[in-house]
């Protein structure tokens, strides 16, 4: 009798194991290449997994490097989605016809300036370039009106930037489109000759300002806000250049669906989740970025989007697709 019960138990256990294995085999898995840092997006990815039951595998890296990897891998890439931190990288991949057009139900949720004109990518949040400064060493009236003024002698050795950072490279791409290759190269050379200091990322720029290493820096807007959220008296402030100056680029973080994706249904569910009110509120409340859809209240530290866009240069993000040209220019002037 004992042997029969043991046999029955073993059979039951085997059946459970088989059902478990079947469930594992059939569980949906979504692979994402993310140029957005893990610390910023992992919380929202976990929320999606819990809500959808879809397992997400993420390859994190620099946006520029991931775009290059996609172009090399072509239709053999394991990625279903490319989540980039700037429009330039999305444009570079889209230019090679690697994205599938997104459904109108997704595209129409986002303002026209925050999506690809042909519908191949969509913004997940908005991001602005700013002029950060140390108010203990720089008065407001001393700050430059234009980013081009930073090559003047008064700023020699006092400015910091992050030339290897994808956001900075996207800005240089926008500069090339707005003012041309020659003027952009002249500005880069002028900054180098003026002793601009290099940093690996935006966060070290903010830290360098507080430490007295530099007096002004060129980061994205939300880095300082993270410091301020922990210490309201943090000794750094930020502002914009004069209205419409190229230095006031309003860029986006955005996402595109790869044609080669083997799991497009799950991929679209993820994009839809990123544009949900819950996810958008996370991006503005916790990450301090601008929401990409209407009806979401921006963080109190942010300008209303309408005011921000009045400061921004008149510029089409769809034109920021020549990533290779920007990297080449930065190497030619020996900044990379």
Protein backbone atom coordinates (compact mmCIF):
# COMPACT_ATOMS: atom_id res chain seq x y z
CA UNK A 1 0.00 0.00 0.00
CA UNK A 2 2.83 2.35 0.87
CA UNK A 3 4.47 1.64 -2.49
CA UNK A 4 1.25 2.44 -4.36
CA UNK A 5 0.88 5.77 -2.54
CA UNK A 6 4.53 6.57 -3.25
CA UNK A 7 4.04 5.74 -6.91
CA UNK A 8 0.90 7.86 -7.04
CA UNK A 9 2.71 10.77 -5.36
CA UNK A 10 5.61 10.48 -7.81
CA UNK A 11 3.22 10.52 -10.76
CA UNK A 12 1.43 13.56 -9.38
CA UNK A 13 4.74 15.35 -8.83
CA UNK A 14 5.81 14.53 -12.39
CA UNK A 15 2.56 15.98 -13.76
CA UNK A 16 3.09 19.18 -11.76
CA UNK A 17 6.65 19.41 -13.04
CA UNK A 18 5.47 18.98 -16.63
CA UNK A 19 2.84 21.71 -16.25
CA UNK A 20 5.46 23.99 -14.72
CA UNK A 21 7.85 23.36 -17.58
CA UNK A 22 5.10 23.96 -20.12
CA UNK A 23 4.29 27.23 -18.39
CA UNK A 24 7.90 28.27 -18.53
CA UNK A 25 8.16 27.40 -22.21
CA UNK A 26 5.04 29.36 -23.06
CA UNK A 27 5.72 32.33 -20.79
CA UNK A 28 6.12 35.50 -22.83
CA UNK A 29 9.57 37.04 -22.78
CA UNK A 30 10.28 40.52 -24.10
CA UNK A 31 13.82 41.65 -24.89
CA UNK A 32 14.62 45.37 -24.73
CA UNK A 33 17.78 47.27 -25.57
CA UNK A 34 17.75 50.17 -23.14
CA UNK A 35 19.90 53.28 -23.38
CA UNK A 36 18.03 54.47 -20.30
CA UNK A 37 19.94 53.65 -17.13
CA UNK A 38 18.82 50.73 -14.99
CA UNK A 39 18.28 52.84 -11.87
CA UNK A 40 15.75 55.02 -13.71
CA UNK A 41 13.67 52.47 -15.58
CA UNK A 42 13.89 49.21 -13.63
CA UNK A 43 11.05 50.20 -11.23
CA UNK A 44 8.63 50.83 -14.09
CA UNK A 45 9.71 47.64 -15.90
CA UNK A 46 8.98 45.62 -12.76
CA UNK A 47 5.53 47.20 -12.57
CA UNK A 48 4.87 46.14 -16.16
CA UNK A 49 5.99 42.57 -15.44
CA UNK A 50 3.69 42.33 -12.43
CA UNK A 51 0.72 43.76 -14.33
CA UNK A 52 1.15 41.86 -17.60
CA UNK A 53 2.79 38.60 -16.59
CA UNK A 54 5.33 39.18 -19.35
CA UNK A 55 8.96 38.61 -18.45
CA UNK A 56 11.29 41.41 -19.57
CA UNK A 57 14.96 40.89 -20.34
CA UNK A 58 16.91 44.13 -20.64
CA UNK A 59 20.30 44.80 -22.19
CA UNK A 60 21.49 48.12 -20.73
CA UNK A 61 24.14 50.25 -22.36
CA UNK A 62 24.94 53.62 -23.85
CA UNK A 63 22.28 54.74 -26.32
CA UNK A 64 24.86 55.37 -29.04
CA UNK A 65 26.49 51.98 -28.53
CA UNK A 66 23.15 50.14 -28.56
CA UNK A 67 22.11 51.89 -31.76
CA UNK A 68 25.39 50.80 -33.34
CA UNK A 69 24.80 47.23 -32.12
CA UNK A 70 21.33 47.17 -33.69
CA UNK A 71 22.68 48.41 -37.00
CA UNK A 72 25.30 45.65 -36.92
CA UNK A 73 22.89 42.89 -35.86
CA UNK A 74 20.20 43.82 -38.35
CA UNK A 75 17.25 41.42 -38.47
CA UNK A 76 19.19 38.93 -36.32
CA UNK A 77 18.97 41.17 -33.27
CA UNK A 78 17.30 39.56 -30.24
CA UNK A 79 15.78 42.93 -29.30
CA UNK A 80 12.08 43.61 -29.73
CA UNK A 81 12.29 47.25 -28.64
CA UNK A 82 14.93 49.98 -28.61
CA UNK A 83 14.41 52.38 -25.72
CA UNK A 84 16.75 55.31 -26.33
CA UNK A 85 17.54 58.39 -24.31
CA UNK A 86 17.51 60.68 -27.32
CA UNK A 87 15.85 61.17 -30.69
CA UNK A 88 19.14 61.05 -32.58
CA UNK A 89 19.76 57.37 -31.92
CA UNK A 90 16.14 56.52 -32.74
CA UNK A 91 16.49 58.44 -35.99
CA UNK A 92 19.69 56.59 -36.89
CA UNK A 93 17.99 53.20 -36.48
CA UNK A 94 14.81 54.38 -38.20
CA UNK A 95 16.88 55.67 -41.13
CA UNK A 96 17.95 52.07 -41.82
CA UNK A 97 14.27 51.00 -41.99
CA UNK A 98 14.59 48.77 -38.91
CA UNK A 99 11.49 50.01 -37.08
CA UNK A 100 7.91 48.98 -37.69
CA UNK A 101 5.30 51.73 -37.80
CA UNK A 102 3.44 52.05 -34.52
CA UNK A 103 -0.38 51.89 -34.37
CA UNK A 104 -2.30 55.15 -34.56
CA UNK A 105 -3.82 54.35 -31.16
CA UNK A 106 -0.33 54.80 -29.68
CA UNK A 107 0.88 57.67 -31.87
CA UNK A 108 -2.12 59.91 -31.26
CA UNK A 109 -1.53 59.89 -27.51
CA UNK A 110 1.65 61.95 -27.97
CA UNK A 111 1.96 65.53 -29.35
CA UNK A 112 3.27 65.72 -32.92
CA UNK A 113 6.59 67.21 -31.80
CA UNK A 114 7.18 64.23 -29.53
CA UNK A 115 6.93 61.48 -32.14
CA UNK A 116 8.43 60.50 -35.45
CA UNK A 117 6.68 62.18 -38.38
CA UNK A 118 6.19 58.80 -40.06
CA UNK A 119 5.24 56.97 -36.87
CA UNK A 120 8.31 54.79 -36.35
CA UNK A 121 9.07 55.90 -32.80
CA UNK A 122 7.33 57.71 -29.99
CA UNK A 123 8.53 59.72 -26.99
CA UNK A 124 8.21 58.26 -23.52
CA UNK A 125 9.25 61.49 -21.75
CA UNK A 126 10.70 64.93 -22.46
CA UNK A 127 14.17 66.19 -21.52
CA UNK A 128 15.77 69.63 -21.77
CA UNK A 129 19.36 70.82 -22.03
CA UNK A 130 20.16 73.51 -19.46
CA UNK A 131 22.93 75.75 -18.19
CA UNK A 132 23.81 74.68 -14.64
CA UNK A 133 25.90 77.02 -12.52
CA UNK A 134 27.35 77.65 -9.05
CA UNK A 135 25.55 80.75 -7.67
CA UNK A 136 28.29 81.32 -5.08
CA UNK A 137 30.75 81.99 -7.91
CA UNK A 138 28.56 83.18 -10.79
CA UNK A 139 25.90 85.88 -10.66
CA UNK A 140 22.78 85.57 -12.79
CA UNK A 141 23.66 88.73 -14.71
CA UNK A 142 27.03 87.19 -15.65
CA UNK A 143 25.54 84.13 -17.29
CA UNK A 144 25.82 83.95 -21.10
CA UNK A 145 22.82 84.59 -23.37
CA UNK A 146 23.93 81.92 -25.83
CA UNK A 147 25.79 78.66 -25.73
CA UNK A 148 28.20 80.18 -28.25
CA UNK A 149 29.28 82.74 -25.63
CA UNK A 150 30.95 79.99 -23.59
CA UNK A 151 34.03 80.22 -25.83
CA UNK A 152 34.74 83.73 -24.53
CA UNK A 153 37.89 84.24 -22.39
CA UNK A 154 35.88 84.88 -19.21
CA UNK A 155 34.80 81.21 -19.21
CA UNK A 156 38.26 79.73 -19.72
CA UNK A 157 38.64 76.60 -17.60
CA UNK A 158 35.28 77.16 -15.91
CA UNK A 159 32.95 74.99 -18.03
CA UNK A 160 32.19 71.26 -17.87
CA UNK A 161 30.60 68.93 -20.41
CA UNK A 162 30.24 65.17 -21.03
CA UNK A 163 31.26 64.56 -24.67
CA UNK A 164 30.93 60.76 -24.54
CA UNK A 165 27.38 61.00 -23.21
CA UNK A 166 24.61 60.26 -25.70
CA UNK A 167 22.58 63.32 -24.66
CA UNK A 168 25.51 65.61 -25.40
CA UNK A 169 26.11 63.93 -28.73
CA UNK A 170 22.43 64.34 -29.59
CA UNK A 171 22.78 68.03 -28.77
CA UNK A 172 25.77 68.30 -31.14
CA UNK A 173 23.69 66.58 -33.82
CA UNK A 174 20.96 69.19 -33.35
CA UNK A 175 23.57 71.94 -33.50
CA UNK A 176 24.89 70.62 -36.82
CA UNK A 177 21.38 70.66 -38.25
CA UNK A 178 20.52 74.12 -36.89
CA UNK A 179 23.70 76.11 -37.60
CA UNK A 180 25.69 73.88 -39.93
CA UNK A 181 28.81 71.76 -39.79
CA UNK A 182 31.30 74.63 -39.96
CA UNK A 183 29.85 76.70 -37.11
CA UNK A 184 29.41 73.61 -34.95
CA UNK A 185 33.04 72.57 -35.50
CA UNK A 186 34.18 76.10 -34.72
CA UNK A 187 32.26 76.07 -31.43
CA UNK A 188 33.66 72.67 -30.43
CA UNK A 189 37.20 73.79 -31.20
CA UNK A 190 36.61 77.04 -29.32
CA UNK A 191 35.38 75.18 -26.26
CA UNK A 192 38.39 72.88 -26.34
CA UNK A 193 40.79 75.81 -26.70
CA UNK A 194 39.03 77.50 -23.79
CA UNK A 195 39.88 74.63 -21.47
CA UNK A 196 36.48 72.95 -21.14
CA UNK A 197 36.63 70.07 -18.65
CA UNK A 198 35.43 66.58 -19.59
CA UNK A 199 33.20 64.40 -17.44
CA UNK A 200 31.93 60.88 -18.13
CA UNK A 201 28.28 61.68 -17.38
CA UNK A 202 25.89 64.43 -16.37
CA UNK A 203 25.87 63.61 -12.66
CA UNK A 204 29.62 64.27 -12.24
CA UNK A 205 29.07 67.70 -13.83
CA UNK A 206 26.63 68.61 -11.07
CA UNK A 207 28.98 67.23 -8.42
CA UNK A 208 31.89 69.18 -9.92
CA UNK A 209 29.87 72.40 -9.73
CA UNK A 210 29.17 71.83 -6.05
CA UNK A 211 32.81 70.95 -5.38
CA UNK A 212 34.14 74.10 -7.04
CA UNK A 213 35.89 72.34 -9.93
CA UNK A 214 33.89 74.29 -12.50
CA UNK A 215 31.49 77.24 -12.44
CA UNK A 216 29.04 76.30 -15.23
CA UNK A 217 28.07 73.04 -16.91
CA UNK A 218 25.95 71.62 -19.73
CA UNK A 219 23.76 68.75 -18.42
CA UNK A 220 20.16 67.69 -18.88
CA UNK A 221 17.64 69.39 -16.62
CA UNK A 222 16.71 66.54 -14.28
CA UNK A 223 20.11 65.71 -12.79
CA UNK A 224 20.18 68.75 -10.54
CA UNK A 225 16.56 68.16 -9.52
CA UNK A 226 17.53 64.77 -8.14
CA UNK A 227 20.15 66.38 -5.93
CA UNK A 228 17.68 69.09 -4.86
CA UNK A 229 15.08 66.47 -3.92
CA UNK A 230 17.51 65.15 -1.30
CA UNK A 231 19.02 68.49 -0.28
CA UNK A 232 17.07 71.67 -1.02
CA UNK A 233 20.16 73.72 -0.21
CA UNK A 234 22.42 71.95 -2.70
CA UNK A 235 24.70 74.78 -3.99
CA UNK A 236 23.90 74.55 -7.69
CA UNK A 237 21.19 76.19 -9.79
CA UNK A 238 20.22 75.98 -13.45
CA UNK A 239 18.64 78.13 -16.10
CA UNK A 240 18.19 78.41 -19.85
CA UNK A 241 19.91 80.53 -22.46
CA UNK A 242 17.91 83.23 -24.23
CA UNK A 243 14.73 82.12 -25.97
CA UNK A 244 15.26 79.96 -29.09
CA UNK A 245 19.00 79.54 -28.48
CA UNK A 246 20.32 76.19 -29.80
CA UNK A 247 21.56 75.44 -26.28
CA UNK A 248 17.96 75.04 -25.11
CA UNK A 249 17.37 71.80 -26.99
CA UNK A 250 14.26 69.95 -25.82
CA UNK A 251 14.95 66.31 -26.57
CA UNK A 252 13.06 63.14 -25.74
CA UNK A 253 13.58 59.67 -24.44
CA UNK A 254 11.69 57.39 -26.80
CA UNK A 255 11.06 53.89 -28.03
CA UNK A 256 10.75 52.04 -31.32
CA UNK A 257 9.50 48.56 -32.27
CA UNK A 258 11.93 46.52 -34.36
CA UNK A 259 10.58 44.86 -37.50
CA UNK A 260 12.54 41.73 -36.63
CA UNK A 261 10.79 41.35 -33.27
CA UNK A 262 9.38 37.88 -32.64
CA UNK A 263 7.02 39.14 -29.95
CA UNK A 264 5.39 42.29 -31.29
CA UNK A 265 2.18 41.90 -29.31
CA UNK A 266 4.06 41.94 -26.00
CA UNK A 267 6.24 44.79 -27.27
CA UNK A 268 3.22 46.95 -28.07
CA UNK A 269 1.76 46.21 -24.64
CA UNK A 270 4.97 47.57 -23.13
CA UNK A 271 4.85 50.76 -25.23
CA UNK A 272 1.21 51.27 -24.26
CA UNK A 273 2.14 50.82 -20.59
CA UNK A 274 4.89 53.45 -20.87
CA UNK A 275 2.29 55.91 -22.13
CA UNK A 276 -0.19 55.11 -19.38
CA UNK A 277 -0.96 57.75 -16.77
CA UNK A 278 0.68 55.62 -14.09
CA UNK A 279 4.00 55.29 -15.92
CA UNK A 280 3.99 58.90 -17.08
CA UNK A 281 3.40 60.13 -13.54
CA UNK A 282 6.37 58.04 -12.44
CA UNK A 283 8.62 59.66 -15.06
CA UNK A 284 7.74 63.17 -13.95
CA UNK A 285 7.32 62.62 -10.20
CA UNK A 286 10.27 60.28 -9.62
CA UNK A 287 12.60 60.89 -12.59
CA UNK A 288 11.78 64.63 -12.95
CA UNK A 289 11.21 64.45 -16.70
CA UNK A 290 8.43 66.00 -18.74
CA UNK A 291 5.42 63.75 -19.41
CA UNK A 292 4.85 62.75 -23.02
CA UNK A 293 1.05 62.72 -22.84
CA UNK A 294 -1.59 65.21 -21.79
CA UNK A 295 -3.41 64.98 -18.49
CA UNK A 296 -0.33 64.24 -16.36
CA UNK A 297 0.74 66.89 -13.86
CA UNK A 298 4.45 67.74 -14.26
CA UNK A 299 6.65 67.85 -11.19
CA UNK A 300 6.43 71.17 -9.35
CA UNK A 301 10.11 71.92 -10.12
CA UNK A 302 9.48 71.84 -13.87
CA UNK A 303 8.31 74.61 -16.14
CA UNK A 304 4.95 74.02 -17.81
CA UNK A 305 5.64 72.28 -21.13
CA UNK A 306 4.18 75.22 -23.06
CA UNK A 307 6.72 77.61 -21.47
CA UNK A 308 9.57 75.19 -22.05
CA UNK A 309 8.76 74.90 -25.74
CA UNK A 310 8.75 78.70 -26.05
CA UNK A 311 12.37 78.70 -24.88
CA UNK A 312 13.38 75.84 -27.17
CA UNK A 313 14.80 76.40 -30.66
CA UNK A 314 12.48 75.79 -33.59
CA UNK A 315 13.75 72.38 -34.48
CA UNK A 316 12.41 69.10 -35.85
CA UNK A 317 13.61 66.12 -33.83
CA UNK A 318 13.16 63.92 -36.89
CA UNK A 319 16.22 65.59 -38.42
CA UNK A 320 18.50 64.26 -35.68
CA UNK A 321 19.38 61.04 -37.46
CA UNK A 322 23.04 61.51 -38.46
CA UNK A 323 24.67 59.97 -35.42
CA UNK A 324 27.69 58.76 -37.38
CA UNK A 325 28.36 62.28 -38.65
CA UNK A 326 28.37 63.65 -35.11
CA UNK A 327 30.75 60.98 -33.81
CA UNK A 328 33.04 61.62 -36.78
CA UNK A 329 33.04 65.37 -36.12
CA UNK A 330 33.82 64.90 -32.43
CA UNK A 331 36.74 62.65 -33.37
CA UNK A 332 37.96 65.03 -36.06
CA UNK A 333 38.20 67.88 -33.55
CA UNK A 334 39.81 65.44 -31.08
CA UNK A 335 37.13 65.65 -28.41
CA UNK A 336 36.46 61.90 -28.46
